[in-house]
Amino acid sequence: MSKEPITEEFFINKLAAAKVHFERALDCKHTEFDDLYPYMIEHPQFFWYKRYVAWSELLTIVNLCQELDFNWKSQFSDHQVEYVNERVMSAKVLDYWFEKNDSKEHAQR
């Protein structure tokens, strides 16, 4: 098993994966979290917690990219960059992460 070098490309790939994970959690779609905690699907707070975990993962990778001076902002729209910089997963983030919730991109994720 070879180790992948820690490069900007490595972090940007991890960031893209974390963004998809967060967006899938926003849409209440299946993520790896569902496989780890299948019993939580029965609990109403599950989707909130799932989103919180995905948001935390995204912020952690963004923070590492910032510390390493990697260009993480190119992966996001301007308003998403603003939300990430605010660091709080507010109702605004949940409601307006996607510019248009009925967009083709949103429906295909």
C-alpha atoms as a PDB file:
ATOM      1  CA  MET A   1       0.000   0.000   0.000  1.00  0.00           C
ATOM      2  CA  SER A   2       1.566   3.258  -1.093  1.00  0.00           C
ATOM      3  CA  LYS A   3       0.926   6.550   0.631  1.00  0.00           C
ATOM      4  CA  GLU A   4      -0.462   9.412  -1.416  1.00  0.00           C
ATOM      5  CA  PRO A   5       1.680  12.553  -1.079  1.00  0.00           C
ATOM      6  CA  ILE A   6       0.120  15.452   0.768  1.00  0.00           C
ATOM      7  CA  THR A   7      -0.361  17.997  -1.997  1.00  0.00           C
ATOM      8  CA  GLU A   8      -2.787  20.766  -2.799  1.00  0.00           C
ATOM      9  CA  GLU A   9      -4.522  18.412  -5.234  1.00  0.00           C
ATOM     10  CA  PHE A  10      -4.965  15.857  -2.438  1.00  0.00           C
ATOM     11  CA  PHE A  11      -6.638  18.436  -0.186  1.00  0.00           C
ATOM     12  CA  ILE A  12      -8.827  19.837  -2.954  1.00  0.00           C
ATOM     13  CA  ASN A  13     -10.023  16.297  -3.751  1.00  0.00           C
ATOM     14  CA  LYS A  14     -10.823  15.741  -0.065  1.00  0.00           C
ATOM     15  CA  LEU A  15     -12.595  19.104  -0.001  1.00  0.00           C
ATOM     16  CA  ALA A  16     -14.687  18.201  -3.059  1.00  0.00           C
ATOM     17  CA  ALA A  17     -15.668  14.913  -1.411  1.00  0.00           C
ATOM     18  CA  ALA A  18     -16.610  16.703   1.829  1.00  0.00           C
ATOM     19  CA  LYS A  19     -18.700  19.216  -0.122  1.00  0.00           C
ATOM     20  CA  VAL A  20     -20.589  16.395  -1.862  1.00  0.00           C
ATOM     21  CA  HIS A  21     -21.068  14.682   1.506  1.00  0.00           C
ATOM     22  CA  PHE A  22     -22.519  17.882   2.997  1.00  0.00           C
ATOM     23  CA  GLU A  23     -24.773  18.472   0.005  1.00  0.00           C
ATOM     24  CA  ARG A  24     -26.055  14.895   0.129  1.00  0.00           C
ATOM     25  CA  ALA A  25     -26.764  15.359   3.846  1.00  0.00           C
ATOM     26  CA  LEU A  26     -28.653  18.588   3.061  1.00  0.00           C
ATOM     27  CA  ASP A  27     -30.775  16.663   0.563  1.00  0.00           C
ATOM     28  CA  CYS A  28     -31.334  13.820   3.068  1.00  0.00           C
ATOM     29  CA  LYS A  29     -29.655  11.400   0.684  1.00  0.00           C
ATOM     30  CA  HIS A  30     -27.607   8.371   1.656  1.00  0.00           C
ATOM     31  CA  THR A  31     -24.090   9.033   2.947  1.00  0.00           C
ATOM     32  CA  GLU A  32     -21.412   6.960   4.670  1.00  0.00           C
ATOM     33  CA  PHE A  33     -22.844   8.216   7.956  1.00  0.00           C
ATOM     34  CA  ASP A  34     -25.995   6.161   7.319  1.00  0.00           C
ATOM     35  CA  ASP A  35     -23.891   3.012   7.109  1.00  0.00           C
ATOM     36  CA  LEU A  36     -22.071   3.811  10.351  1.00  0.00           C
ATOM     37  CA  TYR A  37     -25.217   4.579  12.339  1.00  0.00           C
ATOM     38  CA  PRO A  38     -28.160   2.784  10.661  1.00  0.00           C
ATOM     39  CA  TYR A  39     -30.217   2.771  13.877  1.00  0.00           C
ATOM     40  CA  MET A  40     -30.321   6.581  13.926  1.00  0.00           C
ATOM     41  CA  ILE A  41     -32.622   6.706  10.901  1.00  0.00           C
ATOM     42  CA  GLU A  42     -35.432   5.894  13.329  1.00  0.00           C
ATOM     43  CA  HIS A  43     -34.807   9.075  15.336  1.00  0.00           C
ATOM     44  CA  PRO A  44     -36.106  12.502  14.254  1.00  0.00           C
ATOM     45  CA  GLN A  45     -32.881  14.297  15.201  1.00  0.00           C
ATOM     46  CA  PHE A  46     -30.910  12.044  12.854  1.00  0.00           C
ATOM     47  CA  PHE A  47     -30.968  14.366   9.821  1.00  0.00           C
ATOM     48  CA  TRP A  48     -29.927  17.363  11.886  1.00  0.00           C
ATOM     49  CA  TYR A  49     -27.024  15.420  13.385  1.00  0.00           C
ATOM     50  CA  LYS A  50     -26.043  14.004   9.986  1.00  0.00           C
ATOM     51  CA  ARG A  51     -25.882  17.533   8.560  1.00  0.00           C
ATOM     52  CA  TYR A  52     -23.882  18.756  11.532  1.00  0.00           C
ATOM     53  CA  VAL A  53     -21.314  15.982  11.079  1.00  0.00           C
ATOM     54  CA  ALA A  54     -20.975  16.721   7.343  1.00  0.00           C
ATOM     55  CA  TRP A  55     -20.689  20.481   8.015  1.00  0.00           C
ATOM     56  CA  SER A  56     -17.984  19.857  10.622  1.00  0.00           C
ATOM     57  CA  GLU A  57     -16.050  17.688   8.171  1.00  0.00           C
ATOM     58  CA  LEU A  58     -16.280  20.394   5.506  1.00  0.00           C
ATOM     59  CA  LEU A  59     -15.112  23.128   7.888  1.00  0.00           C
ATOM     60  CA  THR A  60     -12.202  21.002   9.101  1.00  0.00           C
ATOM     61  CA  ILE A  61     -10.883  20.471   5.591  1.00  0.00           C
ATOM     62  CA  VAL A  62     -11.408  24.150   4.698  1.00  0.00           C
ATOM     63  CA  ASN A  63      -9.481  25.126   7.818  1.00  0.00           C
ATOM     64  CA  LEU A  64      -6.565  22.880   6.821  1.00  0.00           C
ATOM     65  CA  CYS A  65      -6.613  24.322   3.300  1.00  0.00           C
ATOM     66  CA  GLN A  66      -6.509  27.842   4.734  1.00  0.00           C
ATOM     67  CA  GLU A  67      -3.588  26.995   7.017  1.00  0.00           C
ATOM     68  CA  LEU A  68      -1.684  25.531   4.061  1.00  0.00           C
ATOM     69  CA  ASP A  69      -2.602  28.458   1.759  1.00  0.00           C
ATOM     70  CA  PHE A  70      -4.451  26.189  -0.671  1.00  0.00           C
ATOM     71  CA  ASN A  71      -7.116  27.731  -2.916  1.00  0.00           C
ATOM     72  CA  TRP A  72     -10.262  26.182  -1.454  1.00  0.00           C
ATOM     73  CA  LYS A  73     -12.641  28.978  -2.521  1.00  0.00           C
ATOM     74  CA  SER A  74     -12.639  27.923  -6.181  1.00  0.00           C
ATOM     75  CA  GLN A  75     -14.723  24.876  -5.187  1.00  0.00           C
ATOM     76  CA  PHE A  76     -17.629  27.042  -3.997  1.00  0.00           C
ATOM     77  CA  SER A  77     -19.951  29.767  -5.215  1.00  0.00           C
ATOM     78  CA  ASP A  78     -19.525  33.227  -3.699  1.00  0.00           C
ATOM     79  CA  HIS A  79     -22.428  32.833  -1.292  1.00  0.00           C
ATOM     80  CA  GLN A  80     -21.182  29.384  -0.213  1.00  0.00           C
ATOM     81  CA  VAL A  81     -17.752  30.895   0.555  1.00  0.00           C
ATOM     82  CA  GLU A  82     -19.537  33.454   2.704  1.00  0.00           C
ATOM     83  CA  TYR A  83     -21.403  30.701   4.603  1.00  0.00           C
ATOM     84  CA  VAL A  84     -18.210  28.705   5.144  1.00  0.00           C
ATOM     85  CA  ASN A  85     -16.380  31.805   6.383  1.00  0.00           C
ATOM     86  CA  GLU A  86     -19.198  32.469   8.864  1.00  0.00           C
ATOM     87  CA  ARG A  87     -18.664  28.874  10.102  1.00  0.00           C
ATOM     88  CA  VAL A  88     -22.193  28.598  11.564  1.00  0.00           C
ATOM     89  CA  MET A  89     -24.592  26.129  10.015  1.00  0.00           C
ATOM     90  CA  SER A  90     -27.608  28.399  10.229  1.00  0.00           C
ATOM     91  CA  ALA A  91     -31.043  28.110   8.673  1.00  0.00           C
ATOM     92  CA  LYS A  92     -29.713  30.395   5.921  1.00  0.00           C
ATOM     93  CA  VAL A  93     -27.073  27.793   5.023  1.00  0.00           C
ATOM     94  CA  LEU A  94     -29.620  24.977   5.066  1.00  0.00           C
ATOM     95  CA  ASP A  95     -32.145  26.898   2.978  1.00  0.00           C
ATOM     96  CA  TYR A  96     -29.868  28.679   0.515  1.00  0.00           C
ATOM     97  CA  TRP A  97     -26.736  26.549   0.089  1.00  0.00           C
ATOM     98  CA  PHE A  98     -27.872  25.775  -3.428  1.00  0.00           C
ATOM     99  CA  GLU A  99     -28.553  28.980  -5.333  1.00  0.00           C
ATOM    100  CA  LYS A 100     -31.753  27.495  -6.656  1.00  0.00           C
ATOM    101  CA  ASN A 101     -33.155  24.449  -4.942  1.00  0.00           C
ATOM    102  CA  ASP A 102     -34.913  23.449  -8.147  1.00  0.00           C
ATOM    103  CA  SER A 103     -31.783  23.630 -10.319  1.00  0.00           C
ATOM    104  CA  LYS A 104     -30.767  20.687 -12.481  1.00  0.00           C
ATOM    105  CA  GLU A 105     -27.463  20.368 -10.594  1.00  0.00           C
ATOM    106  CA  HIS A 106     -29.300  20.162  -7.275  1.00  0.00           C
ATOM    107  CA  ALA A 107     -31.697  17.494  -8.524  1.00  0.00           C
ATOM    108  CA  GLN A 108     -28.920  15.272  -9.863  1.00  0.00           C
ATOM    109  CA  ARG A 109     -26.862  15.039  -6.666  1.00  0.00           C
END
